[in-house]
């Protein structure tokens, strides 16, 4: 059964070139790409999405490479979305994660796509979700999303992945990092990579202490911050109190602990299936994706209206910088016009 869209039909048929071109066009926001994505949407929702996040230098790319090999050895097809930082000056990105995964370049069961952030915050690219959908439609069993690695507020991956693996490593910064809010709170599985280094035991203890603190806070009645932790603009699903994130030691370069890490992810997947958590996470993902599309549409419409009625954005910005215009009044005026 065809979709009526020739590009989408080629993607569903497993045409790698068609998929690569569609991903590029989606990232470049080319006309026609969204129509193909719409045609593919009913055929998505089957892939299991795993997010890998953590500080730069933690070894996320090496872990991804080893996880690909593990899944392929077990007969699973794999898609990878590796997000690299974009230069704020040139707009270019090195996209070096592909280099680290060259062993899988000729494997037809693996598709690796690198994306630049293009100024998007939160550890992902604005088109990451779209590319994940294309990989899903291609029939990939597992999709691994490796974030850019920007720091503690890199939590957008929690809106995209079913299981989030937070990668920690001994020797990167103060041990107090292990108890700070942000990226560590979204972990379903912890991987302490480069566990052959000195300080690995301390890193594990710090993470165990952070988990114990999280349990104590979650059990506290009437917690003032409870209403602010989840939901809101991010739309994150609250963590399942019945799941205790395991801590797995790995040495990716020596292929140590990879089977244990994959088993921990599989265990979390099984837990989500039996507890109904996957349905909750899918709903949270859908909410976040819809809000992102809606926000982009509204901002684009507002900027077009601004240019038509108030002048180009740069000219308006110059008036605001010169204190000749009030940005709040202009925004209120523009929002009121969009509502009419």
Protein backbone atom coordinates (compact mmCIF):
# COMPACT_ATOMS: atom_id res chain seq x y z
CA UNK A 1 0.00 0.00 0.00
CA UNK A 2 1.50 3.33 -1.09
CA UNK A 3 1.27 6.65 0.70
CA UNK A 4 0.71 8.73 -2.41
CA UNK A 5 4.00 10.54 -1.84
CA UNK A 6 6.85 9.20 -4.04
CA UNK A 7 9.63 10.16 -1.61
CA UNK A 8 7.82 8.58 1.33
CA UNK A 9 7.18 5.42 -0.67
CA UNK A 10 10.87 5.10 -1.50
CA UNK A 11 11.79 5.55 2.16
CA UNK A 12 9.32 2.86 3.20
CA UNK A 13 10.79 0.57 0.55
CA UNK A 14 14.20 0.92 2.20
CA UNK A 15 15.79 3.28 -0.32
CA UNK A 16 18.74 4.66 1.63
CA UNK A 17 19.41 7.51 -0.79
CA UNK A 18 15.81 8.69 -0.59
CA UNK A 19 15.96 8.61 3.20
CA UNK A 20 19.25 10.51 3.30
CA UNK A 21 17.95 13.16 0.94
CA UNK A 22 14.72 13.55 2.92
CA UNK A 23 16.68 13.97 6.15
CA UNK A 24 18.85 16.63 4.54
CA UNK A 25 15.82 18.46 3.17
CA UNK A 26 14.08 18.31 6.55
CA UNK A 27 17.16 19.77 8.22
CA UNK A 28 17.31 22.51 5.57
CA UNK A 29 13.53 23.10 5.77
CA UNK A 30 13.18 22.54 2.03
CA UNK A 31 9.72 22.71 0.40
CA UNK A 32 8.17 19.29 -0.04
CA UNK A 33 10.06 17.64 2.82
CA UNK A 34 7.24 18.17 5.29
CA UNK A 35 4.73 16.60 2.91
CA UNK A 36 6.85 13.44 2.79
CA UNK A 37 7.16 13.42 6.57
CA UNK A 38 3.39 13.75 6.91
CA UNK A 39 2.94 10.77 4.59
CA UNK A 40 5.37 8.74 6.71
CA UNK A 41 3.84 9.66 10.06
CA UNK A 42 1.17 6.91 10.15
CA UNK A 43 3.94 4.32 9.61
CA UNK A 44 5.95 5.45 12.66
CA UNK A 45 5.80 4.59 16.35
CA UNK A 46 7.50 1.20 16.28
CA UNK A 47 11.17 2.02 16.89
CA UNK A 48 12.57 2.14 20.41
CA UNK A 49 14.42 5.41 20.97
CA UNK A 50 17.42 5.53 23.29
CA UNK A 51 19.03 8.86 24.19
CA UNK A 52 22.68 9.19 25.23
CA UNK A 53 23.62 12.39 26.96
CA UNK A 54 26.41 13.64 29.19
CA UNK A 55 29.32 16.03 29.35
CA UNK A 56 31.71 16.46 26.41
CA UNK A 57 34.51 13.93 26.58
CA UNK A 58 32.45 11.33 28.44
CA UNK A 59 32.73 8.89 25.54
CA UNK A 60 29.19 9.03 24.21
CA UNK A 61 30.27 8.39 20.62
CA UNK A 62 32.40 5.42 21.60
CA UNK A 63 29.52 3.97 23.62
CA UNK A 64 27.18 4.51 20.69
CA UNK A 65 29.60 2.69 18.40
CA UNK A 66 29.77 -0.28 20.76
CA UNK A 67 25.98 -0.35 21.27
CA UNK A 68 25.50 -0.46 17.50
CA UNK A 69 27.76 -3.52 17.34
CA UNK A 70 25.86 -5.15 20.22
CA UNK A 71 22.45 -4.64 18.63
CA UNK A 72 23.65 -5.83 15.23
CA UNK A 73 25.08 -8.98 16.83
CA UNK A 74 21.57 -9.62 18.19
CA UNK A 75 19.92 -9.10 14.83
CA UNK A 76 18.46 -5.63 15.43
CA UNK A 77 18.61 -2.86 12.87
CA UNK A 78 19.89 0.47 14.19
CA UNK A 79 19.48 4.12 13.33
CA UNK A 80 21.73 6.77 14.87
CA UNK A 81 21.25 10.52 15.10
CA UNK A 82 24.47 12.16 16.29
CA UNK A 83 24.18 15.87 17.09
CA UNK A 84 27.31 18.02 16.84
CA UNK A 85 27.77 21.66 17.85
CA UNK A 86 27.49 24.30 15.15
CA UNK A 87 29.86 27.23 14.97
CA UNK A 88 28.07 30.45 15.92
CA UNK A 89 30.29 32.33 13.46
CA UNK A 90 30.55 30.15 10.34
CA UNK A 91 27.39 28.09 10.78
CA UNK A 92 29.40 24.94 10.08
CA UNK A 93 29.75 21.75 12.11
CA UNK A 94 32.49 19.13 12.14
CA UNK A 95 30.01 16.22 12.34
CA UNK A 96 32.85 14.09 13.67
CA UNK A 97 30.69 11.37 15.20
CA UNK A 98 30.48 9.65 11.83
CA UNK A 99 34.25 9.24 11.89
CA UNK A 100 34.09 7.30 15.15
CA UNK A 101 31.46 4.93 13.71
CA UNK A 102 33.12 4.10 10.40
CA UNK A 103 33.13 0.38 11.22
CA UNK A 104 29.38 0.36 10.51
CA UNK A 105 29.45 2.52 7.37
CA UNK A 106 28.88 -0.41 5.00
CA UNK A 107 26.38 -2.28 7.16
CA UNK A 108 22.92 -2.09 5.49
CA UNK A 109 21.31 -2.62 8.88
CA UNK A 110 22.77 0.63 10.22
CA UNK A 111 21.97 4.21 9.22
CA UNK A 112 23.95 7.03 10.81
CA UNK A 113 22.96 10.66 10.40
CA UNK A 114 24.88 13.59 11.85
CA UNK A 115 23.17 16.91 12.50
CA UNK A 116 24.45 20.33 13.48
CA UNK A 117 22.66 22.16 16.29
CA UNK A 118 22.37 25.34 14.18
CA UNK A 119 22.03 27.39 17.33
CA UNK A 120 19.32 25.20 18.86
CA UNK A 121 19.73 24.78 22.63
CA UNK A 122 18.96 21.75 24.76
CA UNK A 123 21.49 19.36 23.24
CA UNK A 124 19.57 18.52 20.06
CA UNK A 125 19.00 19.97 16.61
CA UNK A 126 15.62 21.41 15.67
CA UNK A 127 15.21 18.61 13.10
CA UNK A 128 16.26 15.73 15.38
CA UNK A 129 12.69 14.59 15.97
CA UNK A 130 11.95 14.62 12.23
CA UNK A 131 15.02 12.51 11.45
CA UNK A 132 14.07 10.03 14.18
CA UNK A 133 10.67 9.67 12.53
CA UNK A 134 12.29 8.91 9.17
CA UNK A 135 14.50 6.24 10.75
CA UNK A 136 11.42 4.82 12.47
CA UNK A 137 9.54 4.69 9.17
CA UNK A 138 12.54 2.96 7.57
CA UNK A 139 11.94 0.10 9.99
CA UNK A 140 14.88 0.55 12.35
CA UNK A 141 14.34 -1.46 15.54
CA UNK A 142 16.45 0.84 17.72
CA UNK A 143 17.20 4.54 17.21
CA UNK A 144 20.07 5.97 19.25
CA UNK A 145 20.13 9.74 19.70
CA UNK A 146 23.49 11.08 20.86
CA UNK A 147 23.22 14.64 22.13
CA UNK A 148 25.78 17.35 21.62
CA UNK A 149 27.05 17.27 25.20
CA UNK A 150 26.66 20.84 26.37
CA UNK A 151 26.13 20.52 30.09
CA UNK A 152 23.64 20.11 32.87
CA UNK A 153 20.61 21.62 31.20
CA UNK A 154 20.76 19.30 28.20
CA UNK A 155 17.42 17.66 28.96
CA UNK A 156 15.52 18.01 25.70
CA UNK A 157 16.43 14.42 24.87
CA UNK A 158 13.98 13.33 27.59
CA UNK A 159 11.17 14.57 25.35
CA UNK A 160 12.39 12.36 22.52
CA UNK A 161 13.72 9.11 23.98
CA UNK A 162 11.97 6.21 25.67
CA UNK A 163 15.12 5.47 27.68
CA UNK A 164 17.70 8.12 28.59
CA UNK A 165 21.24 6.99 29.34
CA UNK A 166 23.30 9.61 31.17
CA UNK A 167 27.01 9.05 30.67
CA UNK A 168 29.30 10.10 33.52
CA UNK A 169 33.06 9.77 33.66
CA UNK A 170 35.63 10.03 36.46
CA UNK A 171 37.80 13.11 36.57
CA UNK A 172 35.52 15.61 34.83
CA UNK A 173 34.99 18.45 37.26
CA UNK A 174 33.90 18.63 40.86
CA UNK A 175 32.18 15.60 42.36
CA UNK A 176 29.38 17.95 43.41
CA UNK A 177 28.38 17.79 39.73
CA UNK A 178 26.82 14.43 40.54
CA UNK A 179 24.12 15.91 42.76
CA UNK A 180 23.15 18.97 40.74
CA UNK A 181 19.71 19.24 39.20
CA UNK A 182 19.19 19.05 35.48
CA UNK A 183 20.52 16.39 33.19
CA UNK A 184 21.08 13.79 35.93
CA UNK A 185 17.43 13.87 36.95
CA UNK A 186 16.27 12.59 33.58
CA UNK A 187 18.41 9.44 33.69
CA UNK A 188 16.78 6.03 33.35
CA UNK A 189 20.21 4.39 33.24
CA UNK A 190 23.61 5.70 34.31
CA UNK A 191 26.77 4.65 32.50
CA UNK A 192 30.02 5.40 34.27
CA UNK A 193 32.31 5.23 31.26
CA UNK A 194 36.12 5.03 31.35
CA UNK A 195 35.59 3.06 34.56
CA UNK A 196 39.19 1.87 34.45
CA UNK A 197 40.28 5.35 35.49
CA UNK A 198 41.08 6.38 39.02
CA UNK A 199 38.03 7.86 40.72
CA UNK A 200 35.44 5.56 39.15
CA UNK A 201 34.40 4.17 42.55
CA UNK A 202 33.86 7.67 43.86
CA UNK A 203 31.78 8.61 40.81
CA UNK A 204 29.56 5.57 41.40
CA UNK A 205 29.16 6.48 45.08
CA UNK A 206 28.25 10.06 44.18
CA UNK A 207 25.57 8.84 41.77
CA UNK A 208 24.22 6.45 44.39
CA UNK A 209 24.05 9.34 46.84
CA UNK A 210 22.22 11.47 44.29
CA UNK A 211 19.68 8.67 43.73
CA UNK A 212 19.15 8.32 47.47
CA UNK A 213 18.60 12.08 47.75
CA UNK A 214 16.11 11.93 44.89
CA UNK A 215 14.16 9.17 46.66
CA UNK A 216 14.02 11.22 49.85
CA UNK A 217 12.79 14.33 48.03
CA UNK A 218 10.18 12.35 46.07
CA UNK A 219 8.80 10.89 49.31
CA UNK A 220 8.52 14.28 51.04
CA UNK A 221 4.84 15.33 51.35
CA UNK A 222 3.82 18.79 50.21
CA UNK A 223 7.11 19.48 48.47
CA UNK A 224 6.99 23.07 47.21
CA UNK A 225 9.01 22.29 44.09
CA UNK A 226 6.94 19.29 43.00
CA UNK A 227 4.71 21.39 40.77
CA UNK A 228 7.69 22.87 38.97
CA UNK A 229 9.75 19.77 38.22
CA UNK A 230 7.90 18.24 35.32
CA UNK A 231 5.36 19.26 32.75
CA UNK A 232 5.15 22.89 31.85
CA UNK A 233 6.79 24.03 28.63
CA UNK A 234 9.12 21.04 28.52
CA UNK A 235 6.29 18.53 28.78
CA UNK A 236 8.50 15.91 30.42
CA UNK A 237 6.89 12.80 31.81
CA UNK A 238 7.55 12.55 35.54
CA UNK A 239 10.00 9.81 36.51
CA UNK A 240 8.52 6.47 37.47
CA UNK A 241 9.10 6.01 41.17
CA UNK A 242 9.00 2.24 40.79
CA UNK A 243 12.09 2.27 38.55
CA UNK A 244 15.50 2.61 40.15
CA UNK A 245 18.07 3.78 37.58
CA UNK A 246 20.90 1.24 37.51
CA UNK A 247 24.52 2.35 37.41
CA UNK A 248 26.62 0.43 34.89
CA UNK A 249 30.40 0.64 34.64
CA UNK A 250 31.74 0.65 31.09
CA UNK A 251 35.02 1.00 29.24
CA UNK A 252 33.83 1.60 25.70
CA UNK A 253 37.26 1.46 24.07
CA UNK A 254 37.77 -2.05 25.45
CA UNK A 255 34.16 -3.15 24.86
CA UNK A 256 33.69 -3.71 28.59
CA UNK A 257 30.27 -3.37 30.20
CA UNK A 258 28.47 -2.88 26.88
CA UNK A 259 26.35 -6.01 27.23
CA UNK A 260 25.44 -4.95 30.77
CA UNK A 261 24.51 -1.45 29.57
CA UNK A 262 22.34 -2.85 26.77
CA UNK A 263 20.71 -5.23 29.26
CA UNK A 264 19.90 -2.31 31.57
CA UNK A 265 18.23 -0.46 28.67
CA UNK A 266 16.31 -3.63 27.73
CA UNK A 267 15.17 -3.97 31.34
CA UNK A 268 13.89 -0.41 31.34
CA UNK A 269 12.07 -1.05 28.08
CA UNK A 270 10.42 -4.13 29.57
CA UNK A 271 9.47 -2.10 32.65
CA UNK A 272 7.84 0.59 30.49
CA UNK A 273 5.89 -2.03 28.56
CA UNK A 274 4.54 -3.78 31.64
CA UNK A 275 3.86 -0.66 33.71
CA UNK A 276 2.21 1.38 30.97
CA UNK A 277 5.06 3.85 31.10
CA UNK A 278 5.72 3.63 27.37
CA UNK A 279 2.25 4.93 26.62
CA UNK A 280 2.85 7.83 29.00
CA UNK A 281 6.21 8.62 27.42
CA UNK A 282 4.79 8.39 23.91
CA UNK A 283 2.11 10.90 24.92
CA UNK A 284 4.76 13.21 26.41
CA UNK A 285 6.82 12.91 23.21
CA UNK A 286 3.77 13.71 21.08
CA UNK A 287 2.95 16.72 23.24
CA UNK A 288 6.47 18.09 23.02
CA UNK A 289 6.67 17.53 19.26
CA UNK A 290 3.31 19.22 18.69
CA UNK A 291 4.21 22.21 20.85
CA UNK A 292 7.53 22.55 18.99
CA UNK A 293 5.79 22.55 15.59
CA UNK A 294 3.13 24.95 16.84
CA UNK A 295 5.74 27.31 18.29
CA UNK A 296 7.68 27.35 15.04
CA UNK A 297 4.52 28.07 13.04
CA UNK A 298 3.44 30.88 15.38
CA UNK A 299 6.87 32.52 15.48
CA UNK A 300 7.17 32.37 11.70
CA UNK A 301 3.70 33.87 11.31
CA UNK A 302 4.49 36.58 13.83
CA UNK A 303 7.72 37.54 12.06
CA UNK A 304 5.94 37.72 8.70
CA UNK A 305 3.26 39.94 10.22
CA UNK A 306 5.94 42.07 11.88
CA UNK A 307 7.72 42.64 8.59
CA UNK A 308 4.48 43.48 6.79
CA UNK A 309 3.19 45.94 9.38
CA UNK A 310 6.12 47.23 11.42
CA UNK A 311 9.20 46.78 9.27
CA UNK A 312 11.97 44.22 9.03
CA UNK A 313 13.14 42.55 12.22
CA UNK A 314 16.58 44.18 12.10
CA UNK A 315 15.04 47.63 11.77
CA UNK A 316 12.65 46.99 14.65
CA UNK A 317 15.53 45.63 16.75
CA UNK A 318 17.56 48.79 16.01
CA UNK A 319 14.66 50.94 17.24
CA UNK A 320 14.44 48.86 20.42
CA UNK A 321 18.21 49.09 20.99
CA UNK A 322 18.00 52.88 20.61
CA UNK A 323 15.19 52.89 23.18
CA UNK A 324 12.86 54.33 20.55
CA UNK A 325 10.44 51.43 20.89
CA UNK A 326 9.17 49.32 23.76
CA UNK A 327 9.71 45.59 23.04
CA UNK A 328 6.94 44.56 25.42
CA UNK A 329 4.39 46.90 23.89
CA UNK A 330 5.38 45.83 20.37
CA UNK A 331 5.10 42.15 21.29
CA UNK A 332 1.70 42.69 22.92
CA UNK A 333 0.49 44.63 19.89
CA UNK A 334 1.69 41.98 17.48
CA UNK A 335 0.20 39.15 19.56
CA UNK A 336 -3.14 40.96 19.68
CA UNK A 337 -3.15 41.33 15.90
CA UNK A 338 -2.39 37.65 15.42
CA UNK A 339 -5.40 36.77 17.54
CA UNK A 340 -7.76 38.76 15.34
